[in-house]
Every structure is written in structure tokens, then in C-alpha cells.
């Protein structure tokens, strides 16, 4: 059950020197001392404990490969790849603790840190790192996800289905959680009852399909009452044809264009309200189940929004 930090590998990708200095791709922006940072959480244990399809440990590598060749916006900022936290076997808790340590350290040096999962157990390590670095700040959590992930830990311990339950247990009176894109059929009545009892704000996937702006008021409200926003994105929110390579593919899902708009809305409201968005993560990419790397490509488009601004 080894847990270790794995140093980053060099970023490589297509070059277009014939088009001049502005023909940059994301691999051209990776360097030491970058404005933003990436760190991977290469972990299988949370999904395995949650009885899901394994493969998420390969997610960070697949996401970097999909990111490297994307065109860089003209105004894009540089970023630093800080490598991975690698978790072998069932060493989930030790891996989350090491991830939290590295996230906290990264936040001292970079404006925004983006964590590449791993399953959604990544979120507990990410949040602990943020809370450690900002101990006196009120953190609002925005989760784009088909699942509430509020399960109680079972016999095998915490899993990819328990992170927001664990976060609440750290400080129940400070817990402020908005979950957007929830699928009714993917969450038991017990989870909805728990969400209601804990004051969780929920936007259903069907409401977003009927009105892509259905979450806007709740996004504005949580930003207004928070000092910081933590944005976490479970790629299984997308429909199965845009994200087949996940632990639990969505038969309905929320389309990629709507999810892109939600991310842009969060970023715009945070900027307007002067409420920083120092941490985001994207999880549940499972390359062994992907098709034509579609899931990694879809996720890379979302990461690009957060990484380049």
C-alpha cells in the first residue's frame, strides 16, 4: 500500500513554428513558477471501495495527454505541473493526507491549483489542503455531479461516494454545499433526506436540461456568502456519449456545452464578487473504459477554462 509523490514528466506536443510566436499550445505554457498549478491524484482505492468500475488511477496521465495539444488562448497564463500523488493498493487515507499537504503547499505559490483525479475521493484530500491553507475562511463548495456523494462510510471505510459527508464532519456548522446536475435515479432517498437535513442546495439534471441557467441563482448565492469557492467536477455528470470512460456512465447526463457554461458562470461570479476560486478538481476519468479518448478530451476542455484564466 505504497503512497508517494511522483515527479512530473516533461510536457510534449505539436509545434507550429511556421505560424509564429502566438501559435502556442498548452504544453508550451508549462514551466516552473507558473501562475497556476496542476497536481494529479492517481488513486483507485476510492472507486474500488465504492464498488465501481476501476481505472481512475490512470486518469491524471490521460488528462495531461489530452490537455497538452490544446490550443492556448492568447491571454493564457503559465502553469506548473507538480506531478502526482500515487496510491498503490488500498492506501486511500494516507494518499488523501499527502494530497492535502501538497495542495496546501501549492496554494502558497500559485493563484489556482487544479487537481486531476482519481475518483471523487480526491475531493476530501483537495478540500483538506484548502482548509489547511485558509483556516479562517468560509469555503463554499460547488460540485458539478450526477451524485450527491454524501454516503456514510461503510465497512471498507471512506470511498468515492463519501467525500462530502467526510467534509461536513470536519466542521458541520461551516458546511455549505451546492450540488449541480444531480440525477434522481442515481441517488437513494436516504441521500436526498441527508442532503435536506444538512441544508445542501441541489439542482437536478432535468432542471438544467429544461433551463441551462437553472443553477445561476444558487451559484450567485453561495459565492455571495463565501470567502472562497472550491469547485469540484465529476466527469460522470456528462452524458455517456461524451463521457463513456467513467465508473458510472450517465444515461441522461448534462451536455458538455451546459457544463462549460456553468464553469464560466462560477468563474464570472467569483470575479465580480471578488471571491477567489483557488482550487478546482476534475475526477472519475477512467481510461480503460474510454472510447477514442473522448472522456479525457471532454474533461480537458473543462480544465482548459480553469487552467488558462
C-alpha atoms as a PDB file:
ATOM      1  CA  UNK A   1       0.000   0.000   0.000  1.00  0.00           C
ATOM      2  CA  UNK A   2       2.708   2.452  -1.051  1.00  0.00           C
ATOM      3  CA  UNK A   3       1.836   6.148  -1.214  1.00  0.00           C
ATOM      4  CA  UNK A   4       4.321   8.549  -2.761  1.00  0.00           C
ATOM      5  CA  UNK A   5       4.795  11.762  -4.674  1.00  0.00           C
ATOM      6  CA  UNK A   6       5.684  11.059  -8.315  1.00  0.00           C
ATOM      7  CA  UNK A   7       7.655  13.868 -10.037  1.00  0.00           C
ATOM      8  CA  UNK A   8       6.190  15.341 -13.232  1.00  0.00           C
ATOM      9  CA  UNK A   9       7.274  14.287 -16.696  1.00  0.00           C
ATOM     10  CA  UNK A  10       8.103  16.810 -19.436  1.00  0.00           C
ATOM     11  CA  UNK A  11       5.140  18.067 -21.434  1.00  0.00           C
ATOM     12  CA  UNK A  12       5.363  17.486 -25.166  1.00  0.00           C
ATOM     13  CA  UNK A  13       3.037  18.139 -28.081  1.00  0.00           C
ATOM     14  CA  UNK A  14       2.598  19.534 -31.538  1.00  0.00           C
ATOM     15  CA  UNK A  15       4.633  22.573 -32.552  1.00  0.00           C
ATOM     16  CA  UNK A  16       3.666  25.070 -35.296  1.00  0.00           C
ATOM     17  CA  UNK A  17       6.695  27.400 -35.648  1.00  0.00           C
ATOM     18  CA  UNK A  18       5.634  28.403 -39.157  1.00  0.00           C
ATOM     19  CA  UNK A  19       2.630  30.232 -37.650  1.00  0.00           C
ATOM     20  CA  UNK A  20       4.693  32.495 -35.403  1.00  0.00           C
ATOM     21  CA  UNK A  21       5.077  33.186 -31.701  1.00  0.00           C
ATOM     22  CA  UNK A  22       1.356  33.159 -30.913  1.00  0.00           C
ATOM     23  CA  UNK A  23       0.830  29.595 -32.216  1.00  0.00           C
ATOM     24  CA  UNK A  24       1.098  28.131 -28.721  1.00  0.00           C
ATOM     25  CA  UNK A  25      -0.441  25.032 -27.240  1.00  0.00           C
ATOM     26  CA  UNK A  26      -0.893  24.186 -23.590  1.00  0.00           C
ATOM     27  CA  UNK A  27       2.315  22.185 -23.398  1.00  0.00           C
ATOM     28  CA  UNK A  28       4.167  25.429 -24.228  1.00  0.00           C
ATOM     29  CA  UNK A  29       2.803  27.057 -21.052  1.00  0.00           C
ATOM     30  CA  UNK A  30       4.060  24.504 -18.531  1.00  0.00           C
ATOM     31  CA  UNK A  31       7.055  25.786 -16.600  1.00  0.00           C
ATOM     32  CA  UNK A  32       8.411  26.204 -13.096  1.00  0.00           C
ATOM     33  CA  UNK A  33       6.937  29.189 -11.292  1.00  0.00           C
ATOM     34  CA  UNK A  34       3.732  29.240 -13.341  1.00  0.00           C
ATOM     35  CA  UNK A  35       0.715  31.267 -12.256  1.00  0.00           C
ATOM     36  CA  UNK A  36      -1.470  28.190 -11.776  1.00  0.00           C
ATOM     37  CA  UNK A  37      -0.612  24.588 -10.897  1.00  0.00           C
ATOM     38  CA  UNK A  38      -1.696  21.032 -11.669  1.00  0.00           C
ATOM     39  CA  UNK A  39      -1.336  18.027  -9.390  1.00  0.00           C
ATOM     40  CA  UNK A  40      -2.640  14.509 -10.003  1.00  0.00           C
ATOM     41  CA  UNK A  41      -4.181  12.041  -7.581  1.00  0.00           C
ATOM     42  CA  UNK A  42      -3.543   8.645  -9.144  1.00  0.00           C
ATOM     43  CA  UNK A  43      -5.772   6.523  -6.949  1.00  0.00           C
ATOM     44  CA  UNK A  44      -8.041   3.523  -7.463  1.00  0.00           C
ATOM     45  CA  UNK A  45      -8.964   2.753  -3.866  1.00  0.00           C
ATOM     46  CA  UNK A  46     -11.978   5.052  -3.537  1.00  0.00           C
ATOM     47  CA  UNK A  47     -13.736   3.714  -6.615  1.00  0.00           C
ATOM     48  CA  UNK A  48     -12.933   0.124  -5.664  1.00  0.00           C
ATOM     49  CA  UNK A  49     -14.358   0.619  -2.166  1.00  0.00           C
ATOM     50  CA  UNK A  50     -17.444   2.173  -3.754  1.00  0.00           C
ATOM     51  CA  UNK A  51     -17.929  -0.948  -5.915  1.00  0.00           C
ATOM     52  CA  UNK A  52     -17.379   0.999  -9.144  1.00  0.00           C
ATOM     53  CA  UNK A  53     -15.513   0.182 -12.357  1.00  0.00           C
ATOM     54  CA  UNK A  54     -11.822   0.631 -11.624  1.00  0.00           C
ATOM     55  CA  UNK A  55      -9.449   2.588 -13.843  1.00  0.00           C
ATOM     56  CA  UNK A  56      -9.407   6.065 -12.290  1.00  0.00           C
ATOM     57  CA  UNK A  57      -5.761   5.708 -11.249  1.00  0.00           C
ATOM     58  CA  UNK A  58      -4.870   6.255 -14.913  1.00  0.00           C
ATOM     59  CA  UNK A  59      -6.940   9.434 -15.108  1.00  0.00           C
ATOM     60  CA  UNK A  60      -4.234  12.060 -14.446  1.00  0.00           C
ATOM     61  CA  UNK A  61      -1.961  10.765 -17.211  1.00  0.00           C
ATOM     62  CA  UNK A  62      -4.827  10.627 -19.708  1.00  0.00           C
ATOM     63  CA  UNK A  63      -5.911  14.166 -18.819  1.00  0.00           C
ATOM     64  CA  UNK A  64      -2.396  15.562 -19.290  1.00  0.00           C
ATOM     65  CA  UNK A  65      -2.147  13.858 -22.684  1.00  0.00           C
ATOM     66  CA  UNK A  66      -5.477  15.375 -23.746  1.00  0.00           C
ATOM     67  CA  UNK A  67      -4.513  18.819 -22.438  1.00  0.00           C
ATOM     68  CA  UNK A  68      -1.047  19.062 -23.982  1.00  0.00           C
ATOM     69  CA  UNK A  69      -2.117  19.579 -27.580  1.00  0.00           C
ATOM     70  CA  UNK A  70      -4.993  22.005 -26.995  1.00  0.00           C
ATOM     71  CA  UNK A  71      -4.502  25.483 -28.404  1.00  0.00           C
ATOM     72  CA  UNK A  72      -3.628  28.084 -25.786  1.00  0.00           C
ATOM     73  CA  UNK A  73      -5.721  31.264 -25.641  1.00  0.00           C
ATOM     74  CA  UNK A  74      -3.745  34.391 -26.475  1.00  0.00           C
ATOM     75  CA  UNK A  75      -4.062  35.686 -22.913  1.00  0.00           C
ATOM     76  CA  UNK A  76      -3.413  32.323 -21.211  1.00  0.00           C
ATOM     77  CA  UNK A  77      -1.289  32.260 -18.078  1.00  0.00           C
ATOM     78  CA  UNK A  78       1.529  29.799 -17.435  1.00  0.00           C
ATOM     79  CA  UNK A  79       1.170  26.793 -15.155  1.00  0.00           C
ATOM     80  CA  UNK A  80       3.356  24.340 -13.271  1.00  0.00           C
ATOM     81  CA  UNK A  81       2.872  20.584 -13.241  1.00  0.00           C
ATOM     82  CA  UNK A  82       3.578  19.367  -9.707  1.00  0.00           C
ATOM     83  CA  UNK A  83       3.387  15.660 -10.505  1.00  0.00           C
ATOM     84  CA  UNK A  84       1.130  13.056  -8.932  1.00  0.00           C
ATOM     85  CA  UNK A  85       0.267  11.593  -5.588  1.00  0.00           C
ATOM     86  CA  UNK A  86       0.385   7.886  -6.406  1.00  0.00           C
ATOM     87  CA  UNK A  87      -1.648   5.464  -4.307  1.00  0.00           C
ATOM     88  CA  UNK A  88      -0.972   1.746  -4.719  1.00  0.00           C
ATOM     89  CA  UNK A  89      -3.347  -0.781  -3.222  1.00  0.00           C
ATOM     90  CA  UNK A  90      -5.789   0.413  -0.559  1.00  0.00           C
ATOM     91  CA  UNK A  91      -3.792   3.282   0.952  1.00  0.00           C
ATOM     92  CA  UNK A  92      -6.577   5.819   0.437  1.00  0.00           C
ATOM     93  CA  UNK A  93      -6.375   7.717   3.721  1.00  0.00           C
ATOM     94  CA  UNK A  94      -2.597   8.125   3.535  1.00  0.00           C
ATOM     95  CA  UNK A  95      -2.934   9.270  -0.061  1.00  0.00           C
ATOM     96  CA  UNK A  96      -5.560  11.879   0.832  1.00  0.00           C
ATOM     97  CA  UNK A  97      -3.347  13.195   3.628  1.00  0.00           C
ATOM     98  CA  UNK A  98      -0.366  13.517   1.272  1.00  0.00           C
ATOM     99  CA  UNK A  99      -2.558  15.192  -1.375  1.00  0.00           C
ATOM    100  CA  UNK A 100      -3.785  17.695   1.227  1.00  0.00           C
ATOM    101  CA  UNK A 101      -0.197  18.519   2.150  1.00  0.00           C
ATOM    102  CA  UNK A 102       0.802  19.131  -1.462  1.00  0.00           C
ATOM    103  CA  UNK A 103      -2.331  21.172  -2.235  1.00  0.00           C
ATOM    104  CA  UNK A 104      -1.673  23.415   0.765  1.00  0.00           C
ATOM    105  CA  UNK A 105       1.938  23.917  -0.318  1.00  0.00           C
ATOM    106  CA  UNK A 106       0.903  24.631  -3.898  1.00  0.00           C
ATOM    107  CA  UNK A 107      -1.624  27.258  -2.794  1.00  0.00           C
ATOM    108  CA  UNK A 108       1.228  29.183  -1.159  1.00  0.00           C
ATOM    109  CA  UNK A 109       2.924  29.515  -4.543  1.00  0.00           C
ATOM    110  CA  UNK A 110       0.161  29.577  -7.161  1.00  0.00           C
ATOM    111  CA  UNK A 111      -3.051  31.515  -7.774  1.00  0.00           C
ATOM    112  CA  UNK A 112      -5.091  28.427  -8.602  1.00  0.00           C
ATOM    113  CA  UNK A 113      -4.472  24.722  -8.099  1.00  0.00           C
ATOM    114  CA  UNK A 114      -6.255  22.129 -10.226  1.00  0.00           C
ATOM    115  CA  UNK A 115      -6.274  18.538  -9.021  1.00  0.00           C
ATOM    116  CA  UNK A 116      -6.663  15.721 -11.537  1.00  0.00           C
ATOM    117  CA  UNK A 117      -8.308  12.608 -10.040  1.00  0.00           C
ATOM    118  CA  UNK A 118      -8.678   9.749  -9.288  1.00  0.00           C
ATOM    119  CA  UNK A 119     -12.188   9.025  -8.142  1.00  0.00           C
ATOM    120  CA  UNK A 120     -14.237  11.547  -6.186  1.00  0.00           C
ATOM    121  CA  UNK A 121     -12.412  10.517  -3.024  1.00  0.00           C
ATOM    122  CA  UNK A 122      -9.938  13.080  -4.389  1.00  0.00           C
ATOM    123  CA  UNK A 123     -12.251  15.799  -3.076  1.00  0.00           C
ATOM    124  CA  UNK A 124     -11.587  15.074   0.590  1.00  0.00           C
ATOM    125  CA  UNK A 125      -7.834  15.465   0.149  1.00  0.00           C
ATOM    126  CA  UNK A 126      -8.291  18.561  -2.006  1.00  0.00           C
ATOM    127  CA  UNK A 127     -10.617  20.224   0.497  1.00  0.00           C
ATOM    128  CA  UNK A 128      -8.390  19.411   3.473  1.00  0.00           C
ATOM    129  CA  UNK A 129      -5.473  21.087   1.710  1.00  0.00           C
ATOM    130  CA  UNK A 130      -7.546  24.188   1.001  1.00  0.00           C
ATOM    131  CA  UNK A 131      -8.904  24.384   4.552  1.00  0.00           C
ATOM    132  CA  UNK A 132      -5.404  23.925   5.963  1.00  0.00           C
ATOM    133  CA  UNK A 133      -4.047  26.806   3.899  1.00  0.00           C
ATOM    134  CA  UNK A 134      -7.049  29.055   4.633  1.00  0.00           C
ATOM    135  CA  UNK A 135      -8.088  28.043   8.171  1.00  0.00           C
ATOM    136  CA  UNK A 136     -10.190  31.111   8.868  1.00  0.00           C
ATOM    137  CA  UNK A 137     -12.006  31.404   5.554  1.00  0.00           C
ATOM    138  CA  UNK A 138     -15.596  30.380   4.823  1.00  0.00           C
ATOM    139  CA  UNK A 139     -15.392  27.909   1.946  1.00  0.00           C
ATOM    140  CA  UNK A 140     -18.319  27.374  -0.383  1.00  0.00           C
ATOM    141  CA  UNK A 141     -18.323  24.029  -2.206  1.00  0.00           C
ATOM    142  CA  UNK A 142     -19.778  23.784  -5.710  1.00  0.00           C
ATOM    143  CA  UNK A 143     -19.950  20.248  -7.070  1.00  0.00           C
ATOM    144  CA  UNK A 144     -20.939  19.525 -10.684  1.00  0.00           C
ATOM    145  CA  UNK A 145     -22.007  15.906 -10.360  1.00  0.00           C
ATOM    146  CA  UNK A 146     -24.749  13.374 -11.010  1.00  0.00           C
ATOM    147  CA  UNK A 147     -24.217  12.071  -7.471  1.00  0.00           C
ATOM    148  CA  UNK A 148     -24.516  13.759  -4.081  1.00  0.00           C
ATOM    149  CA  UNK A 149     -21.589  11.724  -2.682  1.00  0.00           C
ATOM    150  CA  UNK A 150     -22.944  12.054   0.859  1.00  0.00           C
ATOM    151  CA  UNK A 151     -22.847   8.362   1.751  1.00  0.00           C
ATOM    152  CA  UNK A 152     -21.834   7.257   5.215  1.00  0.00           C
ATOM    153  CA  UNK A 153     -18.536   5.328   5.184  1.00  0.00           C
ATOM    154  CA  UNK A 154     -19.207   1.597   5.138  1.00  0.00           C
ATOM    155  CA  UNK A 155     -17.327  -1.474   6.324  1.00  0.00           C
ATOM    156  CA  UNK A 156     -14.403  -0.751   3.981  1.00  0.00           C
ATOM    157  CA  UNK A 157     -14.149   2.876   5.106  1.00  0.00           C
ATOM    158  CA  UNK A 158     -14.397   6.137   3.113  1.00  0.00           C
ATOM    159  CA  UNK A 159     -14.798   5.874  -0.637  1.00  0.00           C
ATOM    160  CA  UNK A 160     -15.508   7.876  -3.766  1.00  0.00           C
ATOM    161  CA  UNK A 161     -19.113   8.112  -2.548  1.00  0.00           C
ATOM    162  CA  UNK A 162     -18.393   9.674   0.871  1.00  0.00           C
ATOM    163  CA  UNK A 163     -16.222  12.823   0.447  1.00  0.00           C
ATOM    164  CA  UNK A 164     -18.801  15.495   1.236  1.00  0.00           C
ATOM    165  CA  UNK A 165     -20.079  13.554   4.233  1.00  0.00           C
ATOM    166  CA  UNK A 166     -16.468  13.494   5.483  1.00  0.00           C
ATOM    167  CA  UNK A 167     -16.016  17.213   4.777  1.00  0.00           C
ATOM    168  CA  UNK A 168     -19.153  18.060   6.742  1.00  0.00           C
ATOM    169  CA  UNK A 169     -17.913  16.010   9.689  1.00  0.00           C
ATOM    170  CA  UNK A 170     -14.840  18.251   9.906  1.00  0.00           C
ATOM    171  CA  UNK A 171     -16.968  21.297  10.829  1.00  0.00           C
ATOM    172  CA  UNK A 172     -20.750  20.749  10.459  1.00  0.00           C
ATOM    173  CA  UNK A 173     -21.651  24.356  11.232  1.00  0.00           C
ATOM    174  CA  UNK A 174     -19.473  25.633   8.372  1.00  0.00           C
ATOM    175  CA  UNK A 175     -20.619  23.159   5.713  1.00  0.00           C
ATOM    176  CA  UNK A 176     -22.004  24.970   2.650  1.00  0.00           C
ATOM    177  CA  UNK A 177     -22.527  22.680  -0.328  1.00  0.00           C
ATOM    178  CA  UNK A 178     -24.214  23.188  -3.708  1.00  0.00           C
ATOM    179  CA  UNK A 179     -24.541  20.112  -5.936  1.00  0.00           C
ATOM    180  CA  UNK A 180     -25.495  20.784  -9.559  1.00  0.00           C
ATOM    181  CA  UNK A 181     -26.663  18.171 -12.078  1.00  0.00           C
ATOM    182  CA  UNK A 182     -27.968  15.531  -9.677  1.00  0.00           C
ATOM    183  CA  UNK A 183     -29.708  12.518 -11.234  1.00  0.00           C
ATOM    184  CA  UNK A 184     -32.692  11.375  -9.180  1.00  0.00           C
ATOM    185  CA  UNK A 185     -32.300   7.733 -10.175  1.00  0.00           C
ATOM    186  CA  UNK A 186     -28.603   7.677  -9.192  1.00  0.00           C
ATOM    187  CA  UNK A 187     -29.170   8.727  -5.559  1.00  0.00           C
ATOM    188  CA  UNK A 188     -31.226   6.906  -2.942  1.00  0.00           C
ATOM    189  CA  UNK A 189     -33.982   8.527  -0.909  1.00  0.00           C
ATOM    190  CA  UNK A 190     -31.658   8.282   2.103  1.00  0.00           C
ATOM    191  CA  UNK A 191     -29.134  10.555   0.369  1.00  0.00           C
ATOM    192  CA  UNK A 192     -31.766  13.132  -0.540  1.00  0.00           C
ATOM    193  CA  UNK A 193     -33.043  13.079   3.060  1.00  0.00           C
ATOM    194  CA  UNK A 194     -29.497  13.627   4.327  1.00  0.00           C
ATOM    195  CA  UNK A 195     -28.966  16.467   1.864  1.00  0.00           C
ATOM    196  CA  UNK A 196     -32.163  18.138   3.038  1.00  0.00           C
ATOM    197  CA  UNK A 197     -31.288  17.709   6.720  1.00  0.00           C
ATOM    198  CA  UNK A 198     -27.828  19.200   6.154  1.00  0.00           C
ATOM    199  CA  UNK A 199     -29.053  22.192   4.143  1.00  0.00           C
ATOM    200  CA  UNK A 200     -27.474  21.084   0.870  1.00  0.00           C
ATOM    201  CA  UNK A 201     -28.692  23.009  -2.162  1.00  0.00           C
ATOM    202  CA  UNK A 202     -29.458  20.718  -5.103  1.00  0.00           C
ATOM    203  CA  UNK A 203     -30.071  21.431  -8.786  1.00  0.00           C
ATOM    204  CA  UNK A 204     -31.373  18.415 -10.690  1.00  0.00           C
ATOM    205  CA  UNK A 205     -30.083  17.390 -14.103  1.00  0.00           C
ATOM    206  CA  UNK A 206     -33.609  17.562 -15.543  1.00  0.00           C
ATOM    207  CA  UNK A 207     -33.903  21.205 -14.478  1.00  0.00           C
ATOM    208  CA  UNK A 208     -30.662  22.055 -16.289  1.00  0.00           C
ATOM    209  CA  UNK A 209     -31.865  20.273 -19.415  1.00  0.00           C
ATOM    210  CA  UNK A 210     -35.049  22.335 -19.337  1.00  0.00           C
ATOM    211  CA  UNK A 211     -33.190  25.563 -18.492  1.00  0.00           C
ATOM    212  CA  UNK A 212     -29.379  25.729 -18.751  1.00  0.00           C
ATOM    213  CA  UNK A 213     -29.454  28.740 -16.402  1.00  0.00           C
ATOM    214  CA  UNK A 214     -31.381  26.925 -13.667  1.00  0.00           C
ATOM    215  CA  UNK A 215     -28.384  26.958 -11.326  1.00  0.00           C
ATOM    216  CA  UNK A 216     -27.387  30.595 -11.797  1.00  0.00           C
ATOM    217  CA  UNK A 217     -29.243  31.986  -8.785  1.00  0.00           C
ATOM    218  CA  UNK A 218     -27.831  29.347  -6.442  1.00  0.00           C
ATOM    219  CA  UNK A 219     -24.299  29.910  -7.792  1.00  0.00           C
ATOM    220  CA  UNK A 220     -24.613  33.638  -7.137  1.00  0.00           C
ATOM    221  CA  UNK A 221     -25.958  32.990  -3.644  1.00  0.00           C
ATOM    222  CA  UNK A 222     -23.190  30.637  -2.477  1.00  0.00           C
ATOM    223  CA  UNK A 223     -20.489  32.914  -3.865  1.00  0.00           C
ATOM    224  CA  UNK A 224     -22.028  35.900  -2.082  1.00  0.00           C
ATOM    225  CA  UNK A 225     -21.914  34.182   1.330  1.00  0.00           C
ATOM    226  CA  UNK A 226     -18.415  32.645   0.929  1.00  0.00           C
ATOM    227  CA  UNK A 227     -14.841  33.873   1.274  1.00  0.00           C
ATOM    228  CA  UNK A 228     -13.535  31.237  -1.156  1.00  0.00           C
ATOM    229  CA  UNK A 229     -15.042  28.790  -3.631  1.00  0.00           C
ATOM    230  CA  UNK A 230     -13.908  25.205  -4.131  1.00  0.00           C
ATOM    231  CA  UNK A 231     -15.165  23.838  -7.460  1.00  0.00           C
ATOM    232  CA  UNK A 232     -15.165  20.084  -7.983  1.00  0.00           C
ATOM    233  CA  UNK A 233     -16.274  18.426 -11.212  1.00  0.00           C
ATOM    234  CA  UNK A 234     -17.192  14.771 -11.608  1.00  0.00           C
ATOM    235  CA  UNK A 235     -16.967  13.986 -15.297  1.00  0.00           C
ATOM    236  CA  UNK A 236     -19.734  11.362 -14.955  1.00  0.00           C
ATOM    237  CA  UNK A 237     -22.101  14.334 -14.983  1.00  0.00           C
ATOM    238  CA  UNK A 238     -21.795  14.296 -18.784  1.00  0.00           C
ATOM    239  CA  UNK A 239     -23.929  12.013 -20.989  1.00  0.00           C
ATOM    240  CA  UNK A 240     -22.443   8.605 -21.774  1.00  0.00           C
ATOM    241  CA  UNK A 241     -21.622   9.573 -25.364  1.00  0.00           C
ATOM    242  CA  UNK A 242     -19.440  12.479 -24.153  1.00  0.00           C
ATOM    243  CA  UNK A 243     -18.001  10.621 -21.162  1.00  0.00           C
ATOM    244  CA  UNK A 244     -18.103   6.838 -21.623  1.00  0.00           C
ATOM    245  CA  UNK A 245     -14.880   6.320 -19.674  1.00  0.00           C
ATOM    246  CA  UNK A 246     -16.143   6.736 -16.127  1.00  0.00           C
ATOM    247  CA  UNK A 247     -17.010   4.478 -13.218  1.00  0.00           C
ATOM    248  CA  UNK A 248     -20.765   5.081 -13.642  1.00  0.00           C
ATOM    249  CA  UNK A 249     -21.791   6.349 -17.130  1.00  0.00           C
ATOM    250  CA  UNK A 250     -24.880   8.580 -17.296  1.00  0.00           C
ATOM    251  CA  UNK A 251     -27.785   7.531 -19.483  1.00  0.00           C
ATOM    252  CA  UNK A 252     -29.143  11.101 -19.442  1.00  0.00           C
ATOM    253  CA  UNK A 253     -26.435  13.458 -18.243  1.00  0.00           C
ATOM    254  CA  UNK A 254     -25.899  17.193 -18.650  1.00  0.00           C
ATOM    255  CA  UNK A 255     -24.400  18.191 -22.025  1.00  0.00           C
ATOM    256  CA  UNK A 256     -20.832  19.431 -22.245  1.00  0.00           C
ATOM    257  CA  UNK A 257     -21.857  22.859 -23.533  1.00  0.00           C
ATOM    258  CA  UNK A 258     -24.043  23.380 -20.442  1.00  0.00           C
ATOM    259  CA  UNK A 259     -21.277  22.246 -18.095  1.00  0.00           C
ATOM    260  CA  UNK A 260     -18.850  24.646 -19.815  1.00  0.00           C
ATOM    261  CA  UNK A 261     -21.356  27.454 -19.244  1.00  0.00           C
ATOM    262  CA  UNK A 262     -21.699  26.513 -15.574  1.00  0.00           C
ATOM    263  CA  UNK A 263     -17.935  26.696 -15.080  1.00  0.00           C
ATOM    264  CA  UNK A 264     -17.784  30.049 -16.848  1.00  0.00           C
ATOM    265  CA  UNK A 265     -20.657  31.282 -14.673  1.00  0.00           C
ATOM    266  CA  UNK A 266     -18.860  30.257 -11.471  1.00  0.00           C
ATOM    267  CA  UNK A 267     -15.673  31.982 -12.627  1.00  0.00           C
ATOM    268  CA  UNK A 268     -17.514  35.146 -13.715  1.00  0.00           C
ATOM    269  CA  UNK A 269     -19.485  35.452 -10.463  1.00  0.00           C
ATOM    270  CA  UNK A 270     -16.371  34.825  -8.362  1.00  0.00           C
ATOM    271  CA  UNK A 271     -14.558  37.575 -10.246  1.00  0.00           C
ATOM    272  CA  UNK A 272     -17.467  40.000  -9.964  1.00  0.00           C
ATOM    273  CA  UNK A 273     -17.857  39.350  -6.221  1.00  0.00           C
ATOM    274  CA  UNK A 274     -14.092  39.362  -5.550  1.00  0.00           C
ATOM    275  CA  UNK A 275     -14.420  35.833  -4.160  1.00  0.00           C
ATOM    276  CA  UNK A 276     -11.329  33.781  -5.109  1.00  0.00           C
ATOM    277  CA  UNK A 277     -11.544  30.367  -6.776  1.00  0.00           C
ATOM    278  CA  UNK A 278      -8.166  28.988  -5.672  1.00  0.00           C
ATOM    279  CA  UNK A 279      -8.936  25.282  -6.024  1.00  0.00           C
ATOM    280  CA  UNK A 280     -10.724  23.055  -8.501  1.00  0.00           C
ATOM    281  CA  UNK A 281     -10.580  19.397  -9.326  1.00  0.00           C
ATOM    282  CA  UNK A 282     -11.900  17.073 -12.005  1.00  0.00           C
ATOM    283  CA  UNK A 283     -12.389  13.411 -11.240  1.00  0.00           C
ATOM    284  CA  UNK A 284     -13.616   9.964 -12.309  1.00  0.00           C
ATOM    285  CA  UNK A 285     -11.950   9.751 -15.736  1.00  0.00           C
ATOM    286  CA  UNK A 286     -11.361   6.004 -16.235  1.00  0.00           C
ATOM    287  CA  UNK A 287      -9.197   5.478 -19.349  1.00  0.00           C
ATOM    288  CA  UNK A 288      -9.657   1.666 -19.578  1.00  0.00           C
ATOM    289  CA  UNK A 289     -13.355   2.303 -20.259  1.00  0.00           C
ATOM    290  CA  UNK A 290     -12.913   5.291 -22.564  1.00  0.00           C
ATOM    291  CA  UNK A 291     -13.681   5.294 -26.294  1.00  0.00           C
ATOM    292  CA  UNK A 292     -11.382   7.210 -28.667  1.00  0.00           C
ATOM    293  CA  UNK A 293     -10.183   9.141 -25.569  1.00  0.00           C
ATOM    294  CA  UNK A 294     -13.494  11.024 -25.692  1.00  0.00           C
ATOM    295  CA  UNK A 295     -13.851  11.297 -21.911  1.00  0.00           C
ATOM    296  CA  UNK A 296     -10.339  12.676 -21.440  1.00  0.00           C
ATOM    297  CA  UNK A 297     -10.895  15.121 -24.300  1.00  0.00           C
ATOM    298  CA  UNK A 298     -14.189  16.331 -22.830  1.00  0.00           C
ATOM    299  CA  UNK A 299     -12.605  16.764 -19.412  1.00  0.00           C
ATOM    300  CA  UNK A 300      -9.604  18.574 -20.914  1.00  0.00           C
ATOM    301  CA  UNK A 301     -11.891  21.227 -22.397  1.00  0.00           C
ATOM    302  CA  UNK A 302     -13.247  21.944 -18.907  1.00  0.00           C
ATOM    303  CA  UNK A 303      -9.778  22.022 -17.339  1.00  0.00           C
ATOM    304  CA  UNK A 304      -8.606  24.456 -20.013  1.00  0.00           C
ATOM    305  CA  UNK A 305     -11.177  27.015 -18.802  1.00  0.00           C
ATOM    306  CA  UNK A 306      -9.787  26.844 -15.283  1.00  0.00           C
ATOM    307  CA  UNK A 307      -6.120  26.496 -16.101  1.00  0.00           C
ATOM    308  CA  UNK A 308      -5.717  29.344 -18.580  1.00  0.00           C
ATOM    309  CA  UNK A 309      -7.500  32.124 -16.693  1.00  0.00           C
END
